[in-house]
C-alpha atoms as a PDB file:
ATOM      1  CA  UNK A   1     -27.745  -5.388  11.002  1.00  0.00           C
ATOM      2  CA  UNK A   2     -27.707  -4.214  14.598  1.00  0.00           C
ATOM      3  CA  UNK A   3     -28.218  -0.580  15.552  1.00  0.00           C
ATOM      4  CA  UNK A   4     -24.596  -0.369  16.735  1.00  0.00           C
ATOM      5  CA  UNK A   5     -23.284  -1.739  13.432  1.00  0.00           C
ATOM      6  CA  UNK A   6     -25.480   0.619  11.407  1.00  0.00           C
ATOM      7  CA  UNK A   7     -24.401   3.610  13.467  1.00  0.00           C
ATOM      8  CA  UNK A   8     -20.698   2.743  13.171  1.00  0.00           C
ATOM      9  CA  UNK A   9     -20.968   2.285   9.413  1.00  0.00           C
ATOM     10  CA  UNK A  10     -22.746   5.629   9.074  1.00  0.00           C
ATOM     11  CA  UNK A  11     -19.965   7.374  11.027  1.00  0.00           C
ATOM     12  CA  UNK A  12     -17.326   5.814   8.768  1.00  0.00           C
ATOM     13  CA  UNK A  13     -19.244   6.736   5.612  1.00  0.00           C
ATOM     14  CA  UNK A  14     -19.414  10.360   6.775  1.00  0.00           C
ATOM     15  CA  UNK A  15     -15.674  10.350   7.499  1.00  0.00           C
ATOM     16  CA  UNK A  16     -15.005   8.817   4.091  1.00  0.00           C
ATOM     17  CA  UNK A  17     -17.129  11.431   2.316  1.00  0.00           C
ATOM     18  CA  UNK A  18     -15.338  14.211   4.206  1.00  0.00           C
ATOM     19  CA  UNK A  19     -11.965  12.731   3.234  1.00  0.00           C
ATOM     20  CA  UNK A  20     -12.983  12.579  -0.429  1.00  0.00           C
ATOM     21  CA  UNK A  21     -14.060  16.215  -0.417  1.00  0.00           C
ATOM     22  CA  UNK A  22     -11.007  17.411   1.543  1.00  0.00           C
ATOM     23  CA  UNK A  23      -8.401  15.592  -0.534  1.00  0.00           C
ATOM     24  CA  UNK A  24      -9.991  16.717  -3.800  1.00  0.00           C
ATOM     25  CA  UNK A  25     -10.196  20.341  -2.649  1.00  0.00           C
ATOM     26  CA  UNK A  26      -6.601  20.330  -1.424  1.00  0.00           C
ATOM     27  CA  UNK A  27      -5.417  18.849  -4.722  1.00  0.00           C
ATOM     28  CA  UNK A  28      -7.127  21.656  -6.617  1.00  0.00           C
ATOM     29  CA  UNK A  29      -5.806  24.389  -4.321  1.00  0.00           C
ATOM     30  CA  UNK A  30      -2.220  23.108  -4.126  1.00  0.00           C
ATOM     31  CA  UNK A  31      -1.948  21.384  -7.529  1.00  0.00           C
ATOM     32  CA  UNK A  32      -0.495  18.356  -5.740  1.00  0.00           C
ATOM     33  CA  UNK A  33      -2.311  15.051  -6.008  1.00  0.00           C
ATOM     34  CA  UNK A  34      -0.813  13.036  -3.163  1.00  0.00           C
ATOM     35  CA  UNK A  35      -3.214  14.083  -0.424  1.00  0.00           C
ATOM     36  CA  UNK A  36      -4.788  10.634  -0.295  1.00  0.00           C
ATOM     37  CA  UNK A  37      -1.254   9.256   0.041  1.00  0.00           C
ATOM     38  CA  UNK A  38      -0.814  11.432   3.113  1.00  0.00           C
ATOM     39  CA  UNK A  39      -3.884  10.009   4.852  1.00  0.00           C
ATOM     40  CA  UNK A  40      -3.515   6.456   3.528  1.00  0.00           C
ATOM     41  CA  UNK A  41      -2.012   5.180   6.770  1.00  0.00           C
ATOM     42  CA  UNK A  42      -4.203   7.336   9.024  1.00  0.00           C
ATOM     43  CA  UNK A  43      -7.819   6.604   8.077  1.00  0.00           C
ATOM     44  CA  UNK A  44      -7.982   2.781   8.253  1.00  0.00           C
ATOM     45  CA  UNK A  45      -6.999   2.688  11.961  1.00  0.00           C
ATOM     46  CA  UNK A  46      -9.673   5.312  12.653  1.00  0.00           C
ATOM     47  CA  UNK A  47     -12.328   3.208  10.906  1.00  0.00           C
ATOM     48  CA  UNK A  48     -11.201   0.077  12.746  1.00  0.00           C
ATOM     49  CA  UNK A  49     -11.446   1.817  16.121  1.00  0.00           C
ATOM     50  CA  UNK A  50     -14.898   3.146  15.249  1.00  0.00           C
ATOM     51  CA  UNK A  51     -16.070  -0.418  14.691  1.00  0.00           C
ATOM     52  CA  UNK A  52     -14.276  -1.637  17.825  1.00  0.00           C
ATOM     53  CA  UNK A  53     -15.851   1.213  19.796  1.00  0.00           C
ATOM     54  CA  UNK A  54     -19.285   0.219  18.531  1.00  0.00           C
ATOM     55  CA  UNK A  55     -18.609  -3.133  20.159  1.00  0.00           C
ATOM     56  CA  UNK A  56     -17.919  -1.409  23.462  1.00  0.00           C
ATOM     57  CA  UNK A  57     -14.174  -2.117  23.216  1.00  0.00           C
ATOM     58  CA  UNK A  58     -14.960  -5.447  24.853  1.00  0.00           C
ATOM     59  CA  UNK A  59     -14.890  -7.753  21.832  1.00  0.00           C
ATOM     60  CA  UNK A  60     -11.391  -9.291  21.646  1.00  0.00           C
ATOM     61  CA  UNK A  61     -11.489  -9.841  17.885  1.00  0.00           C
ATOM     62  CA  UNK A  62     -12.471  -6.241  17.133  1.00  0.00           C
ATOM     63  CA  UNK A  63      -9.923  -4.802  19.553  1.00  0.00           C
ATOM     64  CA  UNK A  64      -7.200  -7.043  18.115  1.00  0.00           C
ATOM     65  CA  UNK A  65      -8.050  -5.964  14.562  1.00  0.00           C
ATOM     66  CA  UNK A  66      -7.937  -2.292  15.579  1.00  0.00           C
ATOM     67  CA  UNK A  67      -4.631  -2.762  17.413  1.00  0.00           C
ATOM     68  CA  UNK A  68      -3.040  -4.512  14.439  1.00  0.00           C
ATOM     69  CA  UNK A  69      -4.360  -1.818  12.108  1.00  0.00           C
ATOM     70  CA  UNK A  70      -2.838   0.816  14.360  1.00  0.00           C
ATOM     71  CA  UNK A  71       0.564  -0.883  14.215  1.00  0.00           C
ATOM     72  CA  UNK A  72       0.255  -1.006  10.434  1.00  0.00           C
ATOM     73  CA  UNK A  73      -0.648   2.676  10.284  1.00  0.00           C
ATOM     74  CA  UNK A  74       2.086   3.784  12.673  1.00  0.00           C
ATOM     75  CA  UNK A  75       4.810   1.941  10.762  1.00  0.00           C
ATOM     76  CA  UNK A  76       3.612   3.193   7.386  1.00  0.00           C
ATOM     77  CA  UNK A  77       3.260   6.778   8.619  1.00  0.00           C
ATOM     78  CA  UNK A  78       6.799   6.852  10.008  1.00  0.00           C
ATOM     79  CA  UNK A  79       8.230   5.378   6.818  1.00  0.00           C
ATOM     80  CA  UNK A  80       6.314   7.862   4.658  1.00  0.00           C
ATOM     81  CA  UNK A  81       7.392  10.769   6.847  1.00  0.00           C
ATOM     82  CA  UNK A  82      11.099   9.957   6.710  1.00  0.00           C
ATOM     83  CA  UNK A  83      10.924   9.998   2.911  1.00  0.00           C
ATOM     84  CA  UNK A  84       9.469  13.496   3.008  1.00  0.00           C
ATOM     85  CA  UNK A  85       5.934  12.538   2.097  1.00  0.00           C
ATOM     86  CA  UNK A  86       4.370  15.139   4.359  1.00  0.00           C
ATOM     87  CA  UNK A  87       6.537  17.990   3.126  1.00  0.00           C
ATOM     88  CA  UNK A  88       5.217  20.401   0.472  1.00  0.00           C
ATOM     89  CA  UNK A  89       6.081  19.115  -2.983  1.00  0.00           C
ATOM     90  CA  UNK A  90       6.110  15.472  -1.938  1.00  0.00           C
ATOM     91  CA  UNK A  91       3.913  14.361  -4.824  1.00  0.00           C
ATOM     92  CA  UNK A  92       4.027  10.745  -6.002  1.00  0.00           C
ATOM     93  CA  UNK A  93       6.038  10.658  -9.241  1.00  0.00           C
ATOM     94  CA  UNK A  94       3.416   8.431 -10.848  1.00  0.00           C
ATOM     95  CA  UNK A  95       0.763  11.142 -10.701  1.00  0.00           C
ATOM     96  CA  UNK A  96       3.195  13.496 -12.438  1.00  0.00           C
ATOM     97  CA  UNK A  97       3.833  10.932 -15.193  1.00  0.00           C
ATOM     98  CA  UNK A  98       0.147  10.122 -15.576  1.00  0.00           C
ATOM     99  CA  UNK A  99      -0.801  13.798 -15.738  1.00  0.00           C
ATOM    100  CA  UNK A 100       1.572  14.214 -18.681  1.00  0.00           C
ATOM    101  CA  UNK A 101       0.109  11.218 -20.480  1.00  0.00           C
ATOM    102  CA  UNK A 102      -3.568  12.031 -19.906  1.00  0.00           C
ATOM    103  CA  UNK A 103      -3.711  15.774 -20.396  1.00  0.00           C
ATOM    104  CA  UNK A 104      -5.210  18.337 -18.028  1.00  0.00           C
ATOM    105  CA  UNK A 105      -8.958  17.727 -18.557  1.00  0.00           C
ATOM    106  CA  UNK A 106      -8.845  13.956 -18.450  1.00  0.00           C
ATOM    107  CA  UNK A 107      -6.577  14.019 -15.428  1.00  0.00           C
ATOM    108  CA  UNK A 108      -8.949  16.407 -13.621  1.00  0.00           C
ATOM    109  CA  UNK A 109     -11.739  13.846 -14.010  1.00  0.00           C
ATOM    110  CA  UNK A 110      -9.367  11.065 -12.984  1.00  0.00           C
ATOM    111  CA  UNK A 111      -8.456  13.039  -9.879  1.00  0.00           C
ATOM    112  CA  UNK A 112     -12.095  13.334  -8.781  1.00  0.00           C
ATOM    113  CA  UNK A 113     -13.165   9.802  -9.628  1.00  0.00           C
ATOM    114  CA  UNK A 114     -10.094   7.738  -8.817  1.00  0.00           C
ATOM    115  CA  UNK A 115      -7.438   9.547  -6.798  1.00  0.00           C
ATOM    116  CA  UNK A 116      -9.795  11.250  -4.341  1.00  0.00           C
ATOM    117  CA  UNK A 117     -12.968   9.190  -4.789  1.00  0.00           C
ATOM    118  CA  UNK A 118     -12.133   5.571  -5.361  1.00  0.00           C
ATOM    119  CA  UNK A 119      -8.982   5.435  -3.254  1.00  0.00           C
ATOM    120  CA  UNK A 120     -10.728   6.944  -0.235  1.00  0.00           C
ATOM    121  CA  UNK A 121     -13.602   4.510  -0.642  1.00  0.00           C
ATOM    122  CA  UNK A 122     -11.101   1.669  -0.823  1.00  0.00           C
ATOM    123  CA  UNK A 123      -9.575   2.745   2.489  1.00  0.00           C
ATOM    124  CA  UNK A 124     -12.982   2.188   4.047  1.00  0.00           C
ATOM    125  CA  UNK A 125     -13.641  -1.077   2.213  1.00  0.00           C
ATOM    126  CA  UNK A 126     -10.442  -2.734   3.469  1.00  0.00           C
ATOM    127  CA  UNK A 127     -11.624  -2.160   7.048  1.00  0.00           C
ATOM    128  CA  UNK A 128     -15.114  -3.627   6.552  1.00  0.00           C
ATOM    129  CA  UNK A 129     -14.012  -7.016   7.923  1.00  0.00           C
ATOM    130  CA  UNK A 130     -14.275  -5.280  11.311  1.00  0.00           C
ATOM    131  CA  UNK A 131     -17.837  -4.254  10.473  1.00  0.00           C
ATOM    132  CA  UNK A 132     -18.578  -7.872   9.569  1.00  0.00           C
ATOM    133  CA  UNK A 133     -17.000  -9.036  12.833  1.00  0.00           C
ATOM    134  CA  UNK A 134     -19.132  -6.499  14.684  1.00  0.00           C
ATOM    135  CA  UNK A 135     -22.215  -8.197  13.283  1.00  0.00           C
ATOM    136  CA  UNK A 136     -20.978 -11.658  14.306  1.00  0.00           C
ATOM    137  CA  UNK A 137     -19.804 -11.014  17.835  1.00  0.00           C
ATOM    138  CA  UNK A 138     -21.423 -14.279  18.860  1.00  0.00           C
ATOM    139  CA  UNK A 139     -18.603 -16.149  17.065  1.00  0.00           C
ATOM    140  CA  UNK A 140     -16.092 -17.117  19.777  1.00  0.00           C
ATOM    141  CA  UNK A 141     -12.572 -15.696  19.670  1.00  0.00           C
ATOM    142  CA  UNK A 142     -10.201 -18.614  19.203  1.00  0.00           C
ATOM    143  CA  UNK A 143      -7.076 -20.181  17.778  1.00  0.00           C
ATOM    144  CA  UNK A 144      -7.871 -19.108  14.222  1.00  0.00           C
ATOM    145  CA  UNK A 145      -7.820 -15.472  15.340  1.00  0.00           C
ATOM    146  CA  UNK A 146      -4.445 -15.937  17.010  1.00  0.00           C
ATOM    147  CA  UNK A 147      -3.034 -17.569  13.875  1.00  0.00           C
ATOM    148  CA  UNK A 148      -4.341 -14.680  11.778  1.00  0.00           C
ATOM    149  CA  UNK A 149      -2.765 -12.172  14.163  1.00  0.00           C
ATOM    150  CA  UNK A 150       0.581 -13.973  13.964  1.00  0.00           C
ATOM    151  CA  UNK A 151       0.454 -13.942  10.163  1.00  0.00           C
ATOM    152  CA  UNK A 152      -0.350 -10.234  10.167  1.00  0.00           C
ATOM    153  CA  UNK A 153       2.708  -9.534  12.323  1.00  0.00           C
ATOM    154  CA  UNK A 154       4.907 -11.650  10.032  1.00  0.00           C
ATOM    155  CA  UNK A 155       3.831  -9.652   6.995  1.00  0.00           C
ATOM    156  CA  UNK A 156       4.166  -6.395   8.936  1.00  0.00           C
ATOM    157  CA  UNK A 157       7.761  -7.277   9.781  1.00  0.00           C
ATOM    158  CA  UNK A 158       8.376  -8.333   6.173  1.00  0.00           C
ATOM    159  CA  UNK A 159       7.198  -4.979   4.857  1.00  0.00           C
ATOM    160  CA  UNK A 160       9.329  -3.192   7.450  1.00  0.00           C
ATOM    161  CA  UNK A 161      12.421  -5.109   6.315  1.00  0.00           C
ATOM    162  CA  UNK A 162      11.685  -4.385   2.637  1.00  0.00           C
ATOM    163  CA  UNK A 163      11.199  -0.683   3.324  1.00  0.00           C
ATOM    164  CA  UNK A 164      14.413  -0.530   5.351  1.00  0.00           C
ATOM    165  CA  UNK A 165      16.370  -2.252   2.596  1.00  0.00           C
ATOM    166  CA  UNK A 166      14.934   0.247   0.134  1.00  0.00           C
ATOM    167  CA  UNK A 167      15.811   3.151   2.439  1.00  0.00           C
ATOM    168  CA  UNK A 168      19.395   1.955   2.859  1.00  0.00           C
ATOM    169  CA  UNK A 169      19.718   1.487  -0.892  1.00  0.00           C
ATOM    170  CA  UNK A 170      18.488   4.987  -1.645  1.00  0.00           C
ATOM    171  CA  UNK A 171      20.955   6.491   0.818  1.00  0.00           C
ATOM    172  CA  UNK A 172      23.789   4.494  -0.746  1.00  0.00           C
ATOM    173  CA  UNK A 173      22.782   5.780  -4.193  1.00  0.00           C
ATOM    174  CA  UNK A 174      23.198   9.338  -2.974  1.00  0.00           C
ATOM    175  CA  UNK A 175      26.722   8.563  -1.758  1.00  0.00           C
ATOM    176  CA  UNK A 176      27.625   6.753  -4.992  1.00  0.00           C
ATOM    177  CA  UNK A 177      26.421   9.629  -7.159  1.00  0.00           C
ATOM    178  CA  UNK A 178      28.212  12.167  -4.955  1.00  0.00           C
ATOM    179  CA  UNK A 179      31.463  10.271  -5.514  1.00  0.00           C
ATOM    180  CA  UNK A 180      30.938  10.168  -9.268  1.00  0.00           C
ATOM    181  CA  UNK A 181      30.215   6.460  -9.368  1.00  0.00           C
ATOM    182  CA  UNK A 182      27.764   4.621 -11.628  1.00  0.00           C
ATOM    183  CA  UNK A 183      24.233   4.763 -10.321  1.00  0.00           C
ATOM    184  CA  UNK A 184      23.082   1.172  -9.606  1.00  0.00           C
ATOM    185  CA  UNK A 185      19.575   2.195 -10.685  1.00  0.00           C
ATOM    186  CA  UNK A 186      17.408  -0.200  -8.708  1.00  0.00           C
ATOM    187  CA  UNK A 187      17.607  -2.640  -5.842  1.00  0.00           C
ATOM    188  CA  UNK A 188      17.883  -6.351  -6.574  1.00  0.00           C
ATOM    189  CA  UNK A 189      19.323  -7.814  -3.369  1.00  0.00           C
ATOM    190  CA  UNK A 190      17.756  -8.874  -0.079  1.00  0.00           C
ATOM    191  CA  UNK A 191      14.002  -9.333  -0.345  1.00  0.00           C
ATOM    192  CA  UNK A 192      14.136  -7.587  -3.726  1.00  0.00           C
ATOM    193  CA  UNK A 193      16.162 -10.530  -4.986  1.00  0.00           C
ATOM    194  CA  UNK A 194      13.139 -12.827  -4.637  1.00  0.00           C
ATOM    195  CA  UNK A 195      10.348 -10.353  -5.418  1.00  0.00           C
ATOM    196  CA  UNK A 196      10.381  -7.168  -7.457  1.00  0.00           C
ATOM    197  CA  UNK A 197       7.841  -5.694  -5.028  1.00  0.00           C
ATOM    198  CA  UNK A 198       8.177  -7.434  -1.640  1.00  0.00           C
ATOM    199  CA  UNK A 199       6.702  -4.440   0.188  1.00  0.00           C
ATOM    200  CA  UNK A 200       3.619  -4.606  -2.043  1.00  0.00           C
ATOM    201  CA  UNK A 201       3.306  -8.340  -1.402  1.00  0.00           C
ATOM    202  CA  UNK A 202       3.409  -7.869   2.367  1.00  0.00           C
ATOM    203  CA  UNK A 203       1.005  -4.926   2.210  1.00  0.00           C
ATOM    204  CA  UNK A 204      -1.562  -6.910   0.240  1.00  0.00           C
ATOM    205  CA  UNK A 205      -1.083  -9.937   2.493  1.00  0.00           C
ATOM    206  CA  UNK A 206      -1.770  -7.911   5.641  1.00  0.00           C
ATOM    207  CA  UNK A 207      -5.149  -6.829   4.338  1.00  0.00           C
ATOM    208  CA  UNK A 208      -6.025 -10.334   3.210  1.00  0.00           C
ATOM    209  CA  UNK A 209      -5.296 -11.425   6.771  1.00  0.00           C
ATOM    210  CA  UNK A 210      -7.547  -8.604   8.005  1.00  0.00           C
ATOM    211  CA  UNK A 211     -10.246  -9.937   5.659  1.00  0.00           C
ATOM    212  CA  UNK A 212      -9.584 -13.328   7.225  1.00  0.00           C
ATOM    213  CA  UNK A 213     -10.781 -12.034  10.588  1.00  0.00           C
ATOM    214  CA  UNK A 214     -14.106 -11.178   8.963  1.00  0.00           C
ATOM    215  CA  UNK A 215     -14.236 -14.622   7.383  1.00  0.00           C
ATOM    216  CA  UNK A 216     -13.551 -16.257  10.736  1.00  0.00           C
ATOM    217  CA  UNK A 217     -16.367 -14.287  12.350  1.00  0.00           C
ATOM    218  CA  UNK A 218     -18.867 -14.852   9.535  1.00  0.00           C
ATOM    219  CA  UNK A 219     -17.815 -18.422   8.822  1.00  0.00           C
ATOM    220  CA  UNK A 220     -17.310 -17.696   5.122  1.00  0.00           C
ATOM    221  CA  UNK A 221     -15.214 -15.582   2.753  1.00  0.00           C
ATOM    222  CA  UNK A 222     -18.333 -14.783   0.708  1.00  0.00           C
ATOM    223  CA  UNK A 223     -19.267 -11.557   2.441  1.00  0.00           C
ATOM    224  CA  UNK A 224     -18.610  -7.845   1.968  1.00  0.00           C
ATOM    225  CA  UNK A 225     -15.539  -7.897   4.209  1.00  0.00           C
ATOM    226  CA  UNK A 226     -13.564  -9.701   1.500  1.00  0.00           C
ATOM    227  CA  UNK A 227     -14.275  -7.086  -1.173  1.00  0.00           C
ATOM    228  CA  UNK A 228     -11.673  -4.600   0.032  1.00  0.00           C
ATOM    229  CA  UNK A 229      -8.821  -7.103  -0.152  1.00  0.00           C
ATOM    230  CA  UNK A 230      -9.846  -8.120  -3.676  1.00  0.00           C
ATOM    231  CA  UNK A 231      -9.993  -4.519  -4.892  1.00  0.00           C
ATOM    232  CA  UNK A 232      -6.733  -3.638  -3.148  1.00  0.00           C
ATOM    233  CA  UNK A 233      -5.014  -6.537  -4.916  1.00  0.00           C
ATOM    234  CA  UNK A 234      -6.333  -5.334  -8.273  1.00  0.00           C
ATOM    235  CA  UNK A 235      -5.200  -1.789  -7.490  1.00  0.00           C
ATOM    236  CA  UNK A 236      -1.681  -2.946  -6.730  1.00  0.00           C
ATOM    237  CA  UNK A 237      -1.633  -5.090  -9.877  1.00  0.00           C
ATOM    238  CA  UNK A 238      -2.466  -2.049 -11.997  1.00  0.00           C
ATOM    239  CA  UNK A 239       0.038   0.078 -10.109  1.00  0.00           C
ATOM    240  CA  UNK A 240       2.799  -2.461 -10.732  1.00  0.00           C
ATOM    241  CA  UNK A 241       2.138  -2.462 -14.485  1.00  0.00           C
ATOM    242  CA  UNK A 242       2.269   1.343 -14.639  1.00  0.00           C
ATOM    243  CA  UNK A 243       5.270   1.668 -12.313  1.00  0.00           C
ATOM    244  CA  UNK A 244       7.290  -0.931 -14.198  1.00  0.00           C
ATOM    245  CA  UNK A 245       6.529   0.716 -17.551  1.00  0.00           C
ATOM    246  CA  UNK A 246       8.354   3.751 -16.167  1.00  0.00           C
ATOM    247  CA  UNK A 247      11.145   1.596 -14.757  1.00  0.00           C
ATOM    248  CA  UNK A 248      11.764  -0.087 -18.115  1.00  0.00           C
ATOM    249  CA  UNK A 249      12.009   3.282 -19.840  1.00  0.00           C
ATOM    250  CA  UNK A 250      14.585   4.516 -17.315  1.00  0.00           C
ATOM    251  CA  UNK A 251      16.709   1.432 -16.688  1.00  0.00           C
ATOM    252  CA  UNK A 252      17.944  -0.754 -19.589  1.00  0.00           C
ATOM    253  CA  UNK A 253      18.632  -3.603 -17.164  1.00  0.00           C
ATOM    254  CA  UNK A 254      15.122  -3.689 -15.775  1.00  0.00           C
ATOM    255  CA  UNK A 255      13.755  -6.056 -18.440  1.00  0.00           C
ATOM    256  CA  UNK A 256      16.327  -8.661 -17.423  1.00  0.00           C
ATOM    257  CA  UNK A 257      15.296  -8.104 -13.808  1.00  0.00           C
ATOM    258  CA  UNK A 258      11.675  -8.750 -14.819  1.00  0.00           C
ATOM    259  CA  UNK A 259      12.626 -12.014 -16.504  1.00  0.00           C
ATOM    260  CA  UNK A 260      14.620 -13.277 -13.547  1.00  0.00           C
ATOM    261  CA  UNK A 261      12.700 -12.168 -10.450  1.00  0.00           C
ATOM    262  CA  UNK A 262       9.089 -12.838  -9.449  1.00  0.00           C
ATOM    263  CA  UNK A 263       6.871  -9.803  -9.809  1.00  0.00           C
ATOM    264  CA  UNK A 264       5.152 -10.111  -6.427  1.00  0.00           C
ATOM    265  CA  UNK A 265       5.167 -13.434  -4.555  1.00  0.00           C
ATOM    266  CA  UNK A 266       8.661 -14.125  -3.166  1.00  0.00           C
ATOM    267  CA  UNK A 267      10.224 -16.949  -5.165  1.00  0.00           C
ATOM    268  CA  UNK A 268      13.765 -18.128  -5.976  1.00  0.00           C
ATOM    269  CA  UNK A 269      15.000 -16.125  -8.983  1.00  0.00           C
ATOM    270  CA  UNK A 270      15.292 -17.729 -12.390  1.00  0.00           C
ATOM    271  CA  UNK A 271      18.778 -18.075 -13.779  1.00  0.00           C
ATOM    272  CA  UNK A 272      19.486 -15.785 -16.734  1.00  0.00           C
ATOM    273  CA  UNK A 273      19.945 -17.426 -20.100  1.00  0.00           C
ATOM    274  CA  UNK A 274      23.520 -17.828 -21.289  1.00  0.00           C
ATOM    275  CA  UNK A 275      24.801 -14.600 -22.762  1.00  0.00           C
ATOM    276  CA  UNK A 276      21.952 -12.501 -21.348  1.00  0.00           C
ATOM    277  CA  UNK A 277      23.010  -9.233 -19.775  1.00  0.00           C
ATOM    278  CA  UNK A 278      21.953  -8.985 -16.157  1.00  0.00           C
ATOM    279  CA  UNK A 279      23.473  -5.713 -15.030  1.00  0.00           C
ATOM    280  CA  UNK A 280      21.235  -2.983 -13.718  1.00  0.00           C
ATOM    281  CA  UNK A 281      22.460  -0.842 -16.599  1.00  0.00           C
ATOM    282  CA  UNK A 282      22.133   2.856 -17.070  1.00  0.00           C
ATOM    283  CA  UNK A 283      22.202   5.759 -14.682  1.00  0.00           C
ATOM    284  CA  UNK A 284      18.943   7.244 -13.534  1.00  0.00           C
ATOM    285  CA  UNK A 285      18.582  10.923 -12.871  1.00  0.00           C
ATOM    286  CA  UNK A 286      17.903  12.182  -9.377  1.00  0.00           C
ATOM    287  CA  UNK A 287      14.208  12.033 -10.171  1.00  0.00           C
ATOM    288  CA  UNK A 288      14.354   8.608 -11.832  1.00  0.00           C
ATOM    289  CA  UNK A 289      11.832   6.010 -10.768  1.00  0.00           C
ATOM    290  CA  UNK A 290      11.688   2.246 -10.665  1.00  0.00           C
ATOM    291  CA  UNK A 291      10.873  -0.509  -8.261  1.00  0.00           C
ATOM    292  CA  UNK A 292      14.134   0.360  -6.626  1.00  0.00           C
ATOM    293  CA  UNK A 293      14.086   4.124  -6.981  1.00  0.00           C
ATOM    294  CA  UNK A 294      11.491   4.484  -4.250  1.00  0.00           C
ATOM    295  CA  UNK A 295      10.382   8.070  -4.723  1.00  0.00           C
ATOM    296  CA  UNK A 296       8.111   9.566  -2.129  1.00  0.00           C
ATOM    297  CA  UNK A 297       5.077   7.352  -1.819  1.00  0.00           C
ATOM    298  CA  UNK A 298       3.083   5.600   0.832  1.00  0.00           C
ATOM    299  CA  UNK A 299       2.536   1.861   1.208  1.00  0.00           C
ATOM    300  CA  UNK A 300      -0.331   1.976  -1.147  1.00  0.00           C
ATOM    301  CA  UNK A 301       0.182   1.748  -4.949  1.00  0.00           C
END
């Protein structure tokens, strides 16, 4: 490890520790547990630029990774802000549901260890491909990097489209309810017609591409830069299971949706069996939640 790489990693570890302490303290003081959500799109670009800066801002791979991470963060921040995520009371509905299930003491430990601790650490881990690239600056920038950048942009656009479709759907639900119509419950058209969580798929894919930059630099996937993408995938998998358990309880038609549409990877939907109900079924309350309800939350799980 070079002195520059060691120094950059130390800076990021200090920032990560400060973020853990700050988000935990704010959660205790405000009794809201979405403070990590509020910095989810802000910290990774900072870490990426720290690593790029350690390379003197002259390494094209590091600068490209930081620029792509900044685009990711800007898009996610704007989407989170328009849903009211930065307003007081904008707590992720899943923390509310989990708090009820776990009880106060167990949730307090969960808040320290997972919400504030693990999630903040994960935000650093997903940027470590840049730290790996910093240590392999001798690897020439080439076609593979350009292909990776193009893939990142494709998935970035895909997540933007999914979020916009979700936004439009939520606004239409408000109009439908105001007119006394039947609440459609959850979105199952557009990208949501081929994946129950297309935004999750694109989010995960972007960070696998970011890990790919580290693999290109190191010449192998078997290095620490790949760990963040693996753990992020597992985090989203767990989040999907929990989120959909709430969706099933709120929307009678959601089980049919699960049978017909791929959970994550976009895929042509399966045809329902003859006689199987496929309607979205049931009206959700204003605070209802499902894959299509899209309550305030960031791009993370």
